[in-house]
Amino acid sequence: MVKSSKKQVTKFVIDCAQPVADKVLDVASFEKYLHDRIKVNGKTNNLGDNVTISRDATKLTVSAIDIAFSKRQLKYLSKRYLKKQQLRDYLRVVAKSKNSYELRYFSISAGDEEEEAE
């Protein structure tokens, strides 16, 4: 038997296009926050070669190689970052697809109609 040496790569994308376009969110500080807080084997600052975080203008990509990495942890850390930046009341983290999240604004237009009716 020959074992295959294929590496299992898990990629997650966080799309921050809307807040970045409005200059509400800084992708560089968000990347640093994730870099400092992502846990590997129960320890922070233990990324090594297993987890890489890359960014472009509006997206962050987190790649995990040969380790179990949960999408839920990214959502948790994203929400904590928004809370720390006092943006949690305006932005939410929504699953865009199986391996990506998107930061969206809350839609508050429904509340305006009720106020006009009164």
N, C-alpha and C. Protein backbone atom coordinates (compact mmCIF):
# COMPACT_ATOMS: atom_id res chain seq x y z
N MET A 1 0.84 -1.19 0.00
CA MET A 1 0.00 0.00 0.00
C MET A 1 0.87 1.25 0.00
N VAL A 2 0.52 2.14 -0.85
CA VAL A 2 1.23 3.40 -0.92
C VAL A 2 0.30 4.50 -0.43
N LYS A 3 0.75 5.20 0.58
CA LYS A 3 -0.06 6.29 1.11
C LYS A 3 0.16 7.54 0.27
N SER A 4 -0.92 8.21 -0.03
CA SER A 4 -0.79 9.45 -0.79
C SER A 4 -0.38 10.57 0.16
N SER A 5 0.49 11.41 -0.33
CA SER A 5 0.97 12.51 0.51
C SER A 5 0.25 13.81 0.15
N LYS A 6 -1.01 13.67 -0.24
CA LYS A 6 -1.79 14.85 -0.57
C LYS A 6 -2.12 15.62 0.70
N LYS A 7 -1.93 16.91 0.62
CA LYS A 7 -2.24 17.74 1.77
C LYS A 7 -3.68 18.22 1.65
N GLN A 8 -4.39 18.13 2.74
CA GLN A 8 -5.77 18.59 2.76
C GLN A 8 -5.79 20.08 3.11
N VAL A 9 -6.25 20.89 2.20
CA VAL A 9 -6.27 22.34 2.39
C VAL A 9 -7.71 22.79 2.56
N THR A 10 -7.97 23.52 3.64
CA THR A 10 -9.27 24.09 3.89
C THR A 10 -9.15 25.60 3.77
N LYS A 11 -9.95 26.20 2.89
CA LYS A 11 -9.89 27.64 2.68
C LYS A 11 -11.20 28.28 3.07
N PHE A 12 -11.11 29.37 3.83
CA PHE A 12 -12.27 30.16 4.19
C PHE A 12 -12.03 31.60 3.78
N VAL A 13 -13.06 32.25 3.27
CA VAL A 13 -12.95 33.63 2.80
C VAL A 13 -13.91 34.50 3.60
N ILE A 14 -13.43 35.66 4.03
CA ILE A 14 -14.28 36.65 4.68
C ILE A 14 -14.31 37.87 3.76
N ASP A 15 -15.49 38.16 3.22
CA ASP A 15 -15.66 39.27 2.28
C ASP A 15 -16.09 40.52 3.04
N CYS A 16 -15.27 41.55 2.99
CA CYS A 16 -15.54 42.80 3.72
C CYS A 16 -15.78 43.96 2.76
N ALA A 17 -16.34 43.69 1.58
CA ALA A 17 -16.43 44.71 0.53
C ALA A 17 -17.27 45.92 0.93
N GLN A 18 -18.45 45.71 1.51
CA GLN A 18 -19.32 46.84 1.85
C GLN A 18 -18.71 47.77 2.88
N PRO A 19 -18.24 47.26 4.04
CA PRO A 19 -17.67 48.18 5.04
C PRO A 19 -16.37 48.85 4.57
N VAL A 20 -15.57 48.15 3.76
CA VAL A 20 -14.33 48.74 3.27
C VAL A 20 -14.62 49.86 2.27
N ALA A 21 -15.65 49.65 1.44
CA ALA A 21 -16.02 50.68 0.47
C ALA A 21 -16.48 51.96 1.17
N ASP A 22 -17.12 51.81 2.33
CA ASP A 22 -17.58 52.96 3.10
C ASP A 22 -16.53 53.47 4.07
N LYS A 23 -15.34 52.86 4.06
CA LYS A 23 -14.22 53.22 4.93
C LYS A 23 -14.58 53.12 6.42
N VAL A 24 -15.36 52.09 6.74
CA VAL A 24 -15.75 51.83 8.12
C VAL A 24 -14.80 50.82 8.75
N LEU A 25 -14.28 49.89 7.95
CA LEU A 25 -13.48 48.79 8.45
C LEU A 25 -12.10 48.81 7.78
N ASP A 26 -11.07 48.52 8.57
CA ASP A 26 -9.71 48.43 8.04
C ASP A 26 -9.33 46.95 7.96
N VAL A 27 -9.09 46.47 6.74
CA VAL A 27 -8.80 45.05 6.52
C VAL A 27 -7.47 44.65 7.16
N ALA A 28 -6.50 45.56 7.18
CA ALA A 28 -5.19 45.24 7.75
C ALA A 28 -5.29 44.97 9.25
N SER A 29 -6.06 45.79 9.97
CA SER A 29 -6.19 45.57 11.41
C SER A 29 -7.01 44.32 11.70
N PHE A 30 -7.99 44.03 10.84
CA PHE A 30 -8.78 42.81 10.98
C PHE A 30 -7.90 41.58 10.78
N GLU A 31 -6.99 41.65 9.80
CA GLU A 31 -6.06 40.54 9.56
C GLU A 31 -5.14 40.33 10.76
N LYS A 32 -4.63 41.41 11.33
CA LYS A 32 -3.75 41.30 12.49
C LYS A 32 -4.50 40.71 13.69
N TYR A 33 -5.76 41.13 13.86
CA TYR A 33 -6.59 40.61 14.95
C TYR A 33 -6.75 39.10 14.81
N LEU A 34 -7.07 38.64 13.61
CA LEU A 34 -7.22 37.19 13.38
C LEU A 34 -5.90 36.47 13.60
N HIS A 35 -4.81 37.06 13.12
CA HIS A 35 -3.49 36.44 13.27
C HIS A 35 -3.13 36.25 14.74
N ASP A 36 -3.48 37.22 15.56
CA ASP A 36 -3.15 37.14 16.99
C ASP A 36 -4.06 36.20 17.75
N ARG A 37 -5.28 35.96 17.27
CA ARG A 37 -6.26 35.26 18.07
C ARG A 37 -6.66 33.87 17.59
N ILE A 38 -6.30 33.48 16.37
CA ILE A 38 -6.67 32.14 15.89
C ILE A 38 -5.90 31.09 16.68
N LYS A 39 -6.64 30.09 17.15
CA LYS A 39 -6.02 29.03 17.95
C LYS A 39 -5.72 27.81 17.07
N VAL A 40 -4.52 27.26 17.25
CA VAL A 40 -4.15 26.01 16.62
C VAL A 40 -3.71 25.08 17.74
N ASN A 41 -4.34 23.94 17.83
CA ASN A 41 -4.08 22.97 18.91
C ASN A 41 -4.28 23.59 20.29
N GLY A 42 -5.27 24.47 20.41
CA GLY A 42 -5.62 25.05 21.70
C GLY A 42 -4.74 26.20 22.14
N LYS A 43 -3.85 26.68 21.30
CA LYS A 43 -2.95 27.77 21.68
C LYS A 43 -3.00 28.89 20.65
N THR A 44 -3.01 30.13 21.13
CA THR A 44 -2.94 31.26 20.22
C THR A 44 -1.48 31.50 19.85
N ASN A 45 -1.25 32.31 18.82
CA ASN A 45 0.10 32.59 18.29
C ASN A 45 0.85 31.30 17.98
N ASN A 46 0.13 30.31 17.44
CA ASN A 46 0.72 29.02 17.13
C ASN A 46 0.41 28.65 15.68
N LEU A 47 0.34 29.66 14.79
CA LEU A 47 -0.08 29.39 13.42
C LEU A 47 0.92 28.54 12.67
N GLY A 48 2.19 28.89 12.74
CA GLY A 48 3.22 28.11 12.05
C GLY A 48 2.97 28.05 10.57
N ASP A 49 3.24 26.89 9.97
CA ASP A 49 3.02 26.70 8.54
C ASP A 49 1.62 26.15 8.27
N ASN A 50 0.91 25.78 9.33
CA ASN A 50 -0.39 25.14 9.15
C ASN A 50 -1.49 26.11 8.72
N VAL A 51 -1.48 27.32 9.24
CA VAL A 51 -2.53 28.29 8.94
C VAL A 51 -1.90 29.54 8.34
N THR A 52 -2.42 29.96 7.20
CA THR A 52 -1.95 31.19 6.59
C THR A 52 -3.13 32.13 6.38
N ILE A 53 -2.88 33.42 6.62
CA ILE A 53 -3.90 34.43 6.43
C ILE A 53 -3.39 35.39 5.37
N SER A 54 -4.16 35.56 4.31
CA SER A 54 -3.78 36.49 3.26
C SER A 54 -4.94 37.44 3.00
N ARG A 55 -4.62 38.60 2.43
CA ARG A 55 -5.67 39.57 2.16
C ARG A 55 -5.42 40.24 0.83
N ASP A 56 -6.50 40.68 0.24
CA ASP A 56 -6.42 41.59 -0.88
C ASP A 56 -7.23 42.82 -0.49
N ALA A 57 -7.68 43.59 -1.42
CA ALA A 57 -8.31 44.88 -1.09
C ALA A 57 -9.51 44.73 -0.15
N THR A 58 -10.38 43.75 -0.40
CA THR A 58 -11.59 43.66 0.42
C THR A 58 -11.84 42.28 1.01
N LYS A 59 -10.95 41.32 0.79
CA LYS A 59 -11.19 39.96 1.27
C LYS A 59 -10.03 39.44 2.09
N LEU A 60 -10.36 38.64 3.09
CA LEU A 60 -9.37 37.90 3.87
C LEU A 60 -9.54 36.42 3.56
N THR A 61 -8.44 35.73 3.34
CA THR A 61 -8.48 34.30 3.07
C THR A 61 -7.67 33.58 4.13
N VAL A 62 -8.31 32.64 4.81
CA VAL A 62 -7.65 31.84 5.84
C VAL A 62 -7.53 30.42 5.30
N SER A 63 -6.29 29.93 5.17
CA SER A 63 -6.05 28.58 4.66
C SER A 63 -5.45 27.73 5.76
N ALA A 64 -6.05 26.57 5.96
CA ALA A 64 -5.54 25.62 6.96
C ALA A 64 -5.09 24.36 6.24
N ILE A 65 -3.87 23.92 6.50
CA ILE A 65 -3.29 22.76 5.83
C ILE A 65 -3.13 21.62 6.83
N ASP A 66 -3.78 20.52 6.54
CA ASP A 66 -3.65 19.28 7.32
C ASP A 66 -4.05 19.40 8.79
N ILE A 67 -4.88 20.37 9.14
CA ILE A 67 -5.39 20.42 10.51
C ILE A 67 -6.89 20.69 10.45
N ALA A 68 -7.56 20.33 11.53
CA ALA A 68 -9.00 20.61 11.62
C ALA A 68 -9.17 22.08 11.97
N PHE A 69 -9.91 22.79 11.15
CA PHE A 69 -10.13 24.21 11.38
C PHE A 69 -11.60 24.50 11.13
N SER A 70 -12.25 25.12 12.10
CA SER A 70 -13.69 25.31 11.97
C SER A 70 -14.03 26.70 11.44
N LYS A 71 -15.03 26.71 10.60
CA LYS A 71 -15.55 27.96 10.06
C LYS A 71 -16.19 28.77 11.18
N ARG A 72 -16.75 28.08 12.14
CA ARG A 72 -17.43 28.71 13.26
C ARG A 72 -16.46 29.59 14.07
N GLN A 73 -15.21 29.16 14.21
CA GLN A 73 -14.22 29.95 14.94
C GLN A 73 -13.98 31.29 14.25
N LEU A 74 -13.98 31.29 12.91
CA LEU A 74 -13.81 32.53 12.18
C LEU A 74 -14.99 33.48 12.40
N LYS A 75 -16.19 32.93 12.44
CA LYS A 75 -17.36 33.77 12.69
C LYS A 75 -17.28 34.36 14.09
N TYR A 76 -16.91 33.54 15.06
CA TYR A 76 -16.78 34.01 16.44
C TYR A 76 -15.76 35.14 16.54
N LEU A 77 -14.60 34.96 15.94
CA LEU A 77 -13.56 35.99 16.00
C LEU A 77 -13.97 37.24 15.23
N SER A 78 -14.68 37.07 14.14
CA SER A 78 -15.16 38.23 13.37
C SER A 78 -16.14 39.05 14.19
N LYS A 79 -17.04 38.37 14.87
CA LYS A 79 -18.01 39.08 15.71
C LYS A 79 -17.33 39.79 16.87
N ARG A 80 -16.32 39.16 17.45
CA ARG A 80 -15.58 39.80 18.54
C ARG A 80 -14.83 41.03 18.06
N TYR A 81 -14.27 40.95 16.85
CA TYR A 81 -13.57 42.11 16.29
C TYR A 81 -14.55 43.26 16.06
N LEU A 82 -15.71 42.95 15.52
CA LEU A 82 -16.72 43.99 15.29
C LEU A 82 -17.17 44.62 16.60
N LYS A 83 -17.30 43.81 17.63
CA LYS A 83 -17.69 44.32 18.95
C LYS A 83 -16.60 45.24 19.50
N LYS A 84 -15.35 44.84 19.34
CA LYS A 84 -14.23 45.63 19.83
C LYS A 84 -14.14 46.98 19.11
N GLN A 85 -14.46 46.99 17.81
CA GLN A 85 -14.42 48.21 17.02
C GLN A 85 -15.72 49.01 17.12
N GLN A 86 -16.66 48.54 17.94
CA GLN A 86 -17.98 49.15 18.13
C GLN A 86 -18.76 49.24 16.82
N LEU A 87 -18.64 48.19 16.02
CA LEU A 87 -19.37 48.11 14.75
C LEU A 87 -20.43 47.01 14.77
N ARG A 88 -20.53 46.30 15.88
CA ARG A 88 -21.43 45.15 15.97
C ARG A 88 -22.90 45.56 15.82
N ASP A 89 -23.24 46.79 16.17
CA ASP A 89 -24.62 47.25 16.05
C ASP A 89 -25.01 47.53 14.59
N TYR A 90 -24.03 47.64 13.71
CA TYR A 90 -24.29 48.03 12.33
C TYR A 90 -23.98 46.92 11.32
N LEU A 91 -23.04 46.04 11.67
CA LEU A 91 -22.62 44.99 10.75
C LEU A 91 -22.94 43.61 11.32
N ARG A 92 -23.17 42.67 10.42
CA ARG A 92 -23.36 41.29 10.85
C ARG A 92 -22.56 40.36 9.95
N VAL A 93 -22.28 39.18 10.46
CA VAL A 93 -21.49 38.19 9.73
C VAL A 93 -22.46 37.16 9.18
N VAL A 94 -22.52 37.04 7.85
CA VAL A 94 -23.48 36.17 7.19
C VAL A 94 -22.73 35.14 6.34
N ALA A 95 -23.18 33.89 6.39
CA ALA A 95 -22.57 32.85 5.56
C ALA A 95 -22.99 33.08 4.11
N LYS A 96 -22.01 33.29 3.26
CA LYS A 96 -22.28 33.54 1.84
C LYS A 96 -22.33 32.23 1.07
N SER A 97 -21.45 31.30 1.41
CA SER A 97 -21.45 29.97 0.81
C SER A 97 -20.89 29.00 1.84
N LYS A 98 -20.58 27.79 1.40
CA LYS A 98 -20.12 26.76 2.34
C LYS A 98 -18.78 27.13 2.98
N ASN A 99 -17.96 27.88 2.26
CA ASN A 99 -16.65 28.20 2.82
C ASN A 99 -16.35 29.70 2.82
N SER A 100 -17.40 30.52 2.94
CA SER A 100 -17.13 31.96 3.00
C SER A 100 -18.17 32.69 3.84
N TYR A 101 -17.72 33.79 4.43
CA TYR A 101 -18.57 34.70 5.18
C TYR A 101 -18.55 36.05 4.51
N GLU A 102 -19.57 36.86 4.81
CA GLU A 102 -19.64 38.20 4.28
C GLU A 102 -20.08 39.13 5.41
N LEU A 103 -19.48 40.31 5.46
CA LEU A 103 -19.91 41.31 6.43
C LEU A 103 -20.94 42.20 5.75
N ARG A 104 -22.15 42.23 6.30
CA ARG A 104 -23.24 43.02 5.72
C ARG A 104 -23.78 43.98 6.75
N TYR A 105 -24.39 45.04 6.25
CA TYR A 105 -25.08 45.97 7.13
C TYR A 105 -26.44 45.39 7.48
N PHE A 106 -26.93 45.70 8.69
CA PHE A 106 -28.29 45.34 9.04
C PHE A 106 -29.24 46.15 8.18
N SER A 107 -30.32 45.54 7.70
CA SER A 107 -31.31 46.30 6.94
C SER A 107 -32.34 46.83 7.93
N ILE A 108 -32.42 48.13 8.04
CA ILE A 108 -33.30 48.75 9.03
C ILE A 108 -34.45 49.51 8.38
N SER A 109 -34.71 49.24 7.12
CA SER A 109 -35.78 49.95 6.42
C SER A 109 -37.17 49.56 6.92
N ALA A 110 -37.33 48.34 7.45
CA ALA A 110 -38.64 47.89 7.94
C ALA A 110 -39.10 48.73 9.13
N GLY A 111 -38.18 49.16 9.97
CA GLY A 111 -38.54 49.97 11.14
C GLY A 111 -39.00 51.36 10.76
N ASP A 112 -38.51 51.90 9.64
CA ASP A 112 -38.89 53.25 9.21
C ASP A 112 -40.34 53.30 8.77
N GLU A 113 -40.83 52.24 8.16
CA GLU A 113 -42.22 52.21 7.68
C GLU A 113 -43.18 52.27 8.86
N GLU A 114 -42.85 51.57 9.94
CA GLU A 114 -43.74 51.56 11.11
C GLU A 114 -43.81 52.95 11.74
N GLU A 115 -42.71 53.67 11.78
CA GLU A 115 -42.70 55.00 12.37
C GLU A 115 -43.52 55.97 11.54
N GLU A 116 -43.49 55.85 10.21
CA GLU A 116 -44.26 56.73 9.34
C GLU A 116 -45.76 56.46 9.47
N ALA A 117 -46.14 55.22 9.74
CA ALA A 117 -47.56 54.87 9.85
C ALA A 117 -48.20 55.45 11.10
N GLU A 118 -47.42 55.68 12.13
CA GLU A 118 -47.96 56.17 13.40
C GLU A 118 -48.24 57.61 13.39
